[in-house]
N, C-alpha and C. Protein backbone atom coordinates (compact mmCIF):
# COMPACT_ATOMS: atom_id res chain seq x y z
N MET A 1 5.27 16.18 -64.49
CA MET A 1 4.95 15.19 -63.23
C MET A 1 5.36 15.51 -61.91
N ILE A 2 4.59 15.70 -60.68
CA ILE A 2 5.14 15.88 -59.39
C ILE A 2 5.62 14.66 -58.86
N SER A 3 6.73 14.73 -58.25
CA SER A 3 7.03 13.59 -57.44
C SER A 3 6.66 13.72 -55.99
N LEU A 4 6.61 12.36 -55.36
CA LEU A 4 6.74 12.44 -54.16
C LEU A 4 7.96 12.71 -53.42
N PRO A 5 7.84 13.35 -52.19
CA PRO A 5 9.00 13.43 -51.20
C PRO A 5 9.45 12.11 -50.57
N THR A 6 10.65 11.55 -50.87
CA THR A 6 10.86 10.17 -50.46
C THR A 6 12.00 10.39 -49.50
N HIS A 7 11.98 9.53 -48.32
CA HIS A 7 13.09 9.46 -47.17
C HIS A 7 13.40 8.14 -47.08
N HIS A 8 14.75 7.79 -46.86
CA HIS A 8 15.06 6.65 -46.71
C HIS A 8 15.58 6.59 -45.07
N VAL A 9 15.20 5.56 -44.53
CA VAL A 9 16.02 5.21 -43.09
C VAL A 9 16.44 3.71 -43.05
N TYR A 10 17.75 3.65 -42.69
CA TYR A 10 18.51 2.56 -42.72
C TYR A 10 18.71 1.57 -41.55
N SER A 11 18.65 0.47 -41.28
CA SER A 11 18.94 -0.26 -40.21
C SER A 11 17.89 -0.38 -39.06
N VAL A 12 16.76 -0.09 -39.61
CA VAL A 12 15.49 -0.16 -39.01
C VAL A 12 14.96 -1.79 -38.26
N PRO A 13 15.07 -1.67 -36.68
CA PRO A 13 14.38 -2.82 -36.20
C PRO A 13 13.35 -3.09 -36.56
N GLN A 14 12.85 -4.55 -36.69
CA GLN A 14 11.52 -4.95 -37.24
C GLN A 14 10.62 -4.56 -36.26
N GLU A 15 10.64 -4.20 -35.06
CA GLU A 15 9.68 -3.94 -34.04
C GLU A 15 9.32 -2.49 -34.08
N VAL A 16 10.39 -1.67 -34.58
CA VAL A 16 10.12 -0.13 -35.20
C VAL A 16 9.54 -0.10 -36.50
N ALA A 17 10.07 -1.08 -37.47
CA ALA A 17 9.34 -1.14 -38.68
C ALA A 17 7.69 -1.38 -38.71
N GLN A 18 7.56 -2.07 -37.61
CA GLN A 18 5.91 -2.58 -37.59
C GLN A 18 5.15 -1.35 -36.66
N LYS A 19 5.99 -0.56 -36.08
CA LYS A 19 4.93 0.65 -35.45
C LYS A 19 4.75 1.45 -36.86
N CYS A 20 6.02 1.73 -37.34
CA CYS A 20 5.84 2.67 -38.53
C CYS A 20 4.65 2.21 -39.54
N CYS A 21 4.50 1.08 -40.04
CA CYS A 21 3.41 0.37 -40.81
C CYS A 21 2.18 0.82 -39.95
N THR A 22 2.11 0.94 -38.85
CA THR A 22 0.67 1.08 -38.43
C THR A 22 0.57 2.72 -38.46
N LEU A 23 1.46 3.65 -39.24
CA LEU A 23 1.00 5.04 -39.30
C LEU A 23 0.94 5.06 -40.63
N ALA A 24 1.13 4.19 -41.57
CA ALA A 24 1.16 4.61 -42.90
C ALA A 24 -0.30 4.10 -43.54
N ASP A 25 -0.75 5.00 -44.60
CA ASP A 25 -1.62 4.49 -45.07
C ASP A 25 -1.90 3.48 -46.09
N LEU A 26 -0.62 2.91 -46.53
CA LEU A 26 -0.27 1.79 -47.61
C LEU A 26 1.34 1.53 -47.14
N HIS A 27 1.26 0.20 -47.08
CA HIS A 27 2.85 -0.26 -46.92
C HIS A 27 2.88 -1.37 -47.35
N GLN A 28 4.09 -1.89 -48.01
CA GLN A 28 4.84 -3.16 -48.35
C GLN A 28 6.31 -3.49 -48.42
N PRO A 29 6.40 -4.50 -47.80
CA PRO A 29 7.78 -4.89 -47.88
C PRO A 29 8.13 -5.09 -49.37
N PHE A 30 9.67 -4.95 -49.43
CA PHE A 30 10.68 -5.34 -50.39
C PHE A 30 11.56 -6.01 -50.24
N GLY A 31 11.98 -6.76 -51.19
CA GLY A 31 13.08 -7.63 -51.31
C GLY A 31 12.74 -8.69 -52.23
N PRO A 32 13.83 -9.61 -52.08
CA PRO A 32 13.61 -10.73 -53.10
C PRO A 32 12.68 -11.99 -52.72
N ARG A 33 12.03 -11.79 -51.51
CA ARG A 33 10.88 -12.69 -51.11
C ARG A 33 9.49 -12.23 -51.20
N PHE A 34 9.42 -10.96 -51.36
CA PHE A 34 8.21 -10.28 -51.53
C PHE A 34 7.68 -9.83 -52.59
N GLN A 35 6.14 -9.56 -52.74
CA GLN A 35 5.55 -9.49 -53.89
C GLN A 35 5.40 -8.02 -54.05
N SER A 36 4.52 -7.52 -54.80
CA SER A 36 4.29 -6.22 -55.13
C SER A 36 2.80 -5.94 -54.15
N PHE A 37 2.35 -4.74 -54.11
CA PHE A 37 1.29 -4.38 -53.28
C PHE A 37 0.17 -5.34 -53.46
N SER A 38 -0.60 -5.56 -52.67
CA SER A 38 -1.90 -6.43 -53.02
C SER A 38 -2.95 -5.45 -53.62
N ARG A 39 -3.83 -6.31 -54.26
CA ARG A 39 -4.71 -5.74 -55.26
C ARG A 39 -5.86 -5.11 -54.23
N PHE A 40 -6.25 -6.12 -53.56
CA PHE A 40 -7.26 -5.21 -51.90
C PHE A 40 -6.76 -4.27 -51.40
N GLU A 41 -5.58 -4.07 -50.92
CA GLU A 41 -5.13 -2.63 -50.34
C GLU A 41 -4.91 -1.66 -50.99
N LEU A 42 -4.64 -2.13 -52.49
CA LEU A 42 -4.52 -0.95 -53.30
C LEU A 42 -5.88 -0.24 -53.61
N LEU A 43 -7.00 -1.28 -53.58
CA LEU A 43 -8.15 -0.76 -54.06
C LEU A 43 -8.67 -0.12 -52.86
N ARG A 44 -8.36 -0.35 -51.47
CA ARG A 44 -8.76 0.06 -50.31
C ARG A 44 -8.53 1.33 -50.30
N VAL A 45 -6.90 1.60 -50.37
CA VAL A 45 -6.51 2.95 -50.35
C VAL A 45 -6.93 3.97 -51.67
N ALA A 46 -6.76 3.37 -52.84
CA ALA A 46 -7.56 4.57 -53.92
C ALA A 46 -8.89 4.79 -53.47
N ARG A 47 -9.84 4.16 -53.04
CA ARG A 47 -11.28 4.20 -52.85
C ARG A 47 -11.25 5.00 -51.70
N GLN A 48 -10.49 4.75 -50.41
CA GLN A 48 -10.80 5.16 -49.02
C GLN A 48 -10.13 6.50 -48.98
N VAL A 49 -8.89 6.64 -49.07
CA VAL A 49 -8.00 7.72 -48.96
C VAL A 49 -7.83 8.78 -49.87
N PHE A 50 -7.94 8.50 -51.30
CA PHE A 50 -7.89 9.43 -52.59
C PHE A 50 -8.99 9.25 -53.43
N ASP A 51 -9.81 8.53 -53.12
CA ASP A 51 -11.36 8.69 -54.02
C ASP A 51 -11.08 8.66 -55.29
N CYS A 52 -9.93 7.94 -55.99
CA CYS A 52 -9.49 8.18 -57.19
C CYS A 52 -9.55 7.09 -58.31
N LEU A 53 -10.70 6.33 -57.91
CA LEU A 53 -10.97 4.79 -58.92
C LEU A 53 -11.70 5.28 -59.87
N PRO A 54 -10.92 5.13 -61.35
CA PRO A 54 -11.82 5.08 -62.50
C PRO A 54 -12.93 4.28 -62.64
N PRO A 55 -13.96 4.58 -63.60
CA PRO A 55 -14.98 3.65 -63.81
C PRO A 55 -14.31 2.24 -64.41
N GLY A 56 -14.81 1.40 -64.14
CA GLY A 56 -14.33 -0.10 -64.32
C GLY A 56 -13.56 -0.76 -63.61
N GLU A 57 -13.25 -0.55 -62.03
CA GLU A 57 -12.21 -1.04 -61.00
C GLU A 57 -11.93 -2.25 -61.22
N ASP A 58 -12.99 -3.19 -61.71
CA ASP A 58 -12.63 -4.47 -61.57
C ASP A 58 -11.80 -4.74 -62.85
N LEU A 59 -11.59 -4.06 -63.81
CA LEU A 59 -10.70 -4.41 -64.89
C LEU A 59 -8.99 -3.45 -64.51
N ILE A 60 -9.07 -2.55 -63.77
CA ILE A 60 -7.98 -1.89 -63.90
C ILE A 60 -6.80 -2.57 -63.09
N THR A 61 -5.68 -2.50 -63.60
CA THR A 61 -4.46 -3.36 -63.13
C THR A 61 -3.77 -2.89 -62.03
N GLU A 62 -2.90 -3.64 -61.49
CA GLU A 62 -2.23 -3.37 -60.14
C GLU A 62 -1.58 -1.86 -60.41
N GLU A 63 -0.51 -2.17 -61.52
CA GLU A 63 0.30 -0.95 -61.51
C GLU A 63 -0.50 0.40 -61.91
N ALA A 64 -1.61 0.22 -62.54
CA ALA A 64 -2.65 1.43 -62.80
C ALA A 64 -3.12 1.99 -61.61
N LEU A 65 -3.35 1.09 -60.65
CA LEU A 65 -3.71 1.87 -59.01
C LEU A 65 -2.91 2.26 -58.54
N VAL A 66 -1.67 1.71 -58.71
CA VAL A 66 -0.34 2.55 -57.88
C VAL A 66 -0.15 3.61 -58.70
N GLU A 67 -0.03 3.56 -59.81
CA GLU A 67 0.22 5.06 -60.56
C GLU A 67 -1.22 6.19 -59.82
N CYS A 68 -2.24 5.80 -59.96
CA CYS A 68 -3.58 6.55 -59.50
C CYS A 68 -3.18 6.97 -58.09
N ILE A 69 -2.76 5.90 -57.34
CA ILE A 69 -2.59 6.54 -55.88
C ILE A 69 -1.35 7.59 -56.14
N MET A 70 -0.38 7.14 -56.46
CA MET A 70 1.01 8.10 -56.38
C MET A 70 0.83 9.22 -56.86
N ASP A 71 -0.06 9.47 -58.19
CA ASP A 71 -0.52 10.61 -58.65
C ASP A 71 -1.21 11.66 -57.93
N CYS A 72 -2.18 11.07 -57.27
CA CYS A 72 -2.66 11.82 -56.31
C CYS A 72 -2.54 12.25 -55.12
N ALA A 73 -1.34 11.35 -54.44
CA ALA A 73 -0.91 12.08 -53.42
C ALA A 73 0.27 13.21 -53.51
N ALA A 74 1.11 12.85 -55.08
CA ALA A 74 1.95 13.96 -55.24
C ALA A 74 1.29 15.34 -55.92
N ARG A 75 0.14 15.06 -56.46
CA ARG A 75 -0.83 16.34 -56.91
C ARG A 75 -1.29 17.07 -55.59
N GLU A 76 -1.93 16.24 -54.45
CA GLU A 76 -2.45 17.05 -53.61
C GLU A 76 -1.48 17.29 -52.49
N ARG A 77 -0.12 16.60 -52.56
CA ARG A 77 1.09 17.26 -51.84
C ARG A 77 0.72 16.57 -50.26
N SER A 78 -0.08 15.43 -50.03
CA SER A 78 -0.95 14.99 -49.03
C SER A 78 0.15 13.71 -48.06
N HIS A 79 0.97 13.33 -48.91
CA HIS A 79 1.85 12.22 -48.35
C HIS A 79 3.35 12.45 -48.94
N GLN A 80 4.10 11.36 -48.09
CA GLN A 80 5.28 11.25 -48.35
C GLN A 80 5.65 9.94 -48.37
N LEU A 81 6.66 9.22 -49.16
CA LEU A 81 7.12 8.03 -49.00
C LEU A 81 8.59 7.70 -48.18
N PHE A 82 8.40 6.73 -47.66
CA PHE A 82 9.68 6.30 -46.76
C PHE A 82 9.88 4.74 -47.19
N MET A 83 11.12 4.71 -47.35
CA MET A 83 12.01 3.61 -47.67
C MET A 83 12.62 2.92 -46.49
N LEU A 84 12.18 2.22 -45.74
CA LEU A 84 12.82 1.68 -44.43
C LEU A 84 13.48 0.18 -44.82
N GLN A 85 14.96 0.33 -44.71
CA GLN A 85 15.93 -0.83 -44.75
C GLN A 85 16.02 -1.58 -43.48
N LEU A 86 15.56 -2.74 -43.38
CA LEU A 86 15.50 -3.82 -42.18
C LEU A 86 16.89 -3.64 -41.70
N SER A 87 17.05 -3.90 -40.33
CA SER A 87 18.26 -4.17 -39.61
C SER A 87 18.72 -5.58 -40.48
N GLY A 88 20.14 -5.58 -40.46
CA GLY A 88 20.77 -7.08 -41.04
C GLY A 88 20.77 -7.33 -42.21
N SER A 89 20.08 -5.98 -42.94
CA SER A 89 19.55 -6.73 -44.45
C SER A 89 19.84 -5.37 -45.36
N VAL A 90 20.59 -5.62 -46.58
CA VAL A 90 20.68 -4.54 -47.43
C VAL A 90 19.51 -4.55 -48.47
N VAL A 91 18.99 -5.74 -48.51
CA VAL A 91 18.05 -6.02 -49.71
C VAL A 91 16.62 -6.00 -49.27
N GLN A 92 16.17 -6.38 -48.03
CA GLN A 92 14.83 -6.32 -47.64
C GLN A 92 14.51 -4.89 -46.77
N GLY A 93 13.10 -4.48 -46.88
CA GLY A 93 12.60 -3.36 -45.95
C GLY A 93 11.50 -3.10 -46.47
N LEU A 94 10.63 -2.04 -46.05
CA LEU A 94 9.37 -1.33 -46.44
C LEU A 94 9.11 -0.22 -47.00
N VAL A 95 8.47 -0.06 -48.13
CA VAL A 95 8.10 1.21 -48.35
C VAL A 95 6.40 1.49 -47.91
N LEU A 96 6.62 2.93 -47.17
CA LEU A 96 5.52 3.42 -46.57
C LEU A 96 4.89 4.48 -47.35
N LEU A 97 3.53 4.63 -47.41
CA LEU A 97 3.12 6.04 -47.92
C LEU A 97 2.32 6.42 -46.53
N VAL A 98 2.86 7.62 -46.32
CA VAL A 98 2.63 8.29 -44.99
C VAL A 98 2.01 9.73 -45.34
N SER A 99 0.74 9.95 -44.54
CA SER A 99 0.13 10.91 -44.57
C SER A 99 0.83 12.20 -43.92
N ASN A 100 0.69 13.40 -44.30
CA ASN A 100 1.57 14.43 -43.94
C ASN A 100 1.07 14.34 -42.18
N ILE A 101 -0.24 14.39 -41.97
CA ILE A 101 -0.79 14.34 -40.77
C ILE A 101 -0.17 13.38 -39.78
N ARG A 102 0.33 12.26 -40.30
CA ARG A 102 0.78 11.26 -39.47
C ARG A 102 2.53 11.62 -39.24
N LEU A 103 2.93 12.38 -40.13
CA LEU A 103 4.47 12.42 -39.98
C LEU A 103 5.37 12.85 -38.78
N ALA A 104 4.76 13.71 -37.88
CA ALA A 104 5.12 13.78 -36.57
C ALA A 104 5.20 12.67 -35.95
N GLU A 105 4.29 11.59 -35.95
CA GLU A 105 4.24 10.51 -35.09
C GLU A 105 5.48 9.83 -35.56
N LEU A 106 5.48 9.41 -37.08
CA LEU A 106 6.50 8.60 -37.75
C LEU A 106 7.77 9.00 -36.94
N HIS A 107 8.02 10.44 -37.37
CA HIS A 107 9.52 10.92 -36.95
C HIS A 107 9.68 10.82 -35.42
N GLN A 108 8.55 10.75 -34.59
CA GLN A 108 8.92 10.40 -32.95
C GLN A 108 9.19 9.00 -33.12
N ALA A 109 8.69 8.20 -33.82
CA ALA A 109 8.89 6.72 -33.40
C ALA A 109 10.37 6.25 -34.10
N LEU A 110 10.87 6.90 -35.15
CA LEU A 110 12.24 6.92 -35.71
C LEU A 110 12.87 7.54 -34.92
N SER A 111 13.01 8.56 -34.06
CA SER A 111 13.79 9.14 -33.31
C SER A 111 13.94 8.37 -31.83
N ALA A 112 12.76 8.06 -31.63
CA ALA A 112 13.19 7.19 -30.48
C ALA A 112 13.80 5.89 -30.48
N ALA A 113 14.13 5.64 -31.67
CA ALA A 113 15.17 4.51 -31.74
C ALA A 113 16.48 4.87 -32.16
N LEU A 114 16.30 6.27 -32.20
CA LEU A 114 17.90 6.72 -32.46
C LEU A 114 18.04 6.97 -33.96
N LEU A 115 17.12 6.60 -35.07
CA LEU A 115 17.14 6.45 -36.49
C LEU A 115 16.97 7.60 -37.05
N GLN A 116 18.04 8.03 -38.22
CA GLN A 116 18.24 9.25 -38.86
C GLN A 116 17.11 8.93 -40.29
N ILE A 117 16.64 10.10 -40.64
CA ILE A 117 15.99 10.35 -42.07
C ILE A 117 16.87 10.73 -42.96
N THR A 118 17.25 10.05 -44.06
CA THR A 118 18.01 10.76 -45.14
C THR A 118 17.01 10.85 -46.48
N VAL A 119 17.09 12.11 -46.91
CA VAL A 119 16.54 12.28 -48.26
C VAL A 119 16.77 11.76 -49.65
């Protein structure tokens, strides 16, 4: 199994995190008050970005949709994962699935805020 490159960014201000979300094909908050990806967003990304919906999409679980999306992204080497930890919290942040096409913009947004990306 091929894994997606995963990067971590710490102490990200909320406004920078919001900008980064606009550059992602899929994003989801994480932490004790947040739930998993929404079914609607997963279906949209699976359909529009990866064209990876199997027959019977009404019956497919959210876990299977995430697996489908991540497998396609890894196999095509088209995306990377970014874990943004929000400023002032060690347990809350965002997971972003960013297309390689948008990486330069994402790096620019993070660099402008003097944030470092770690692998």
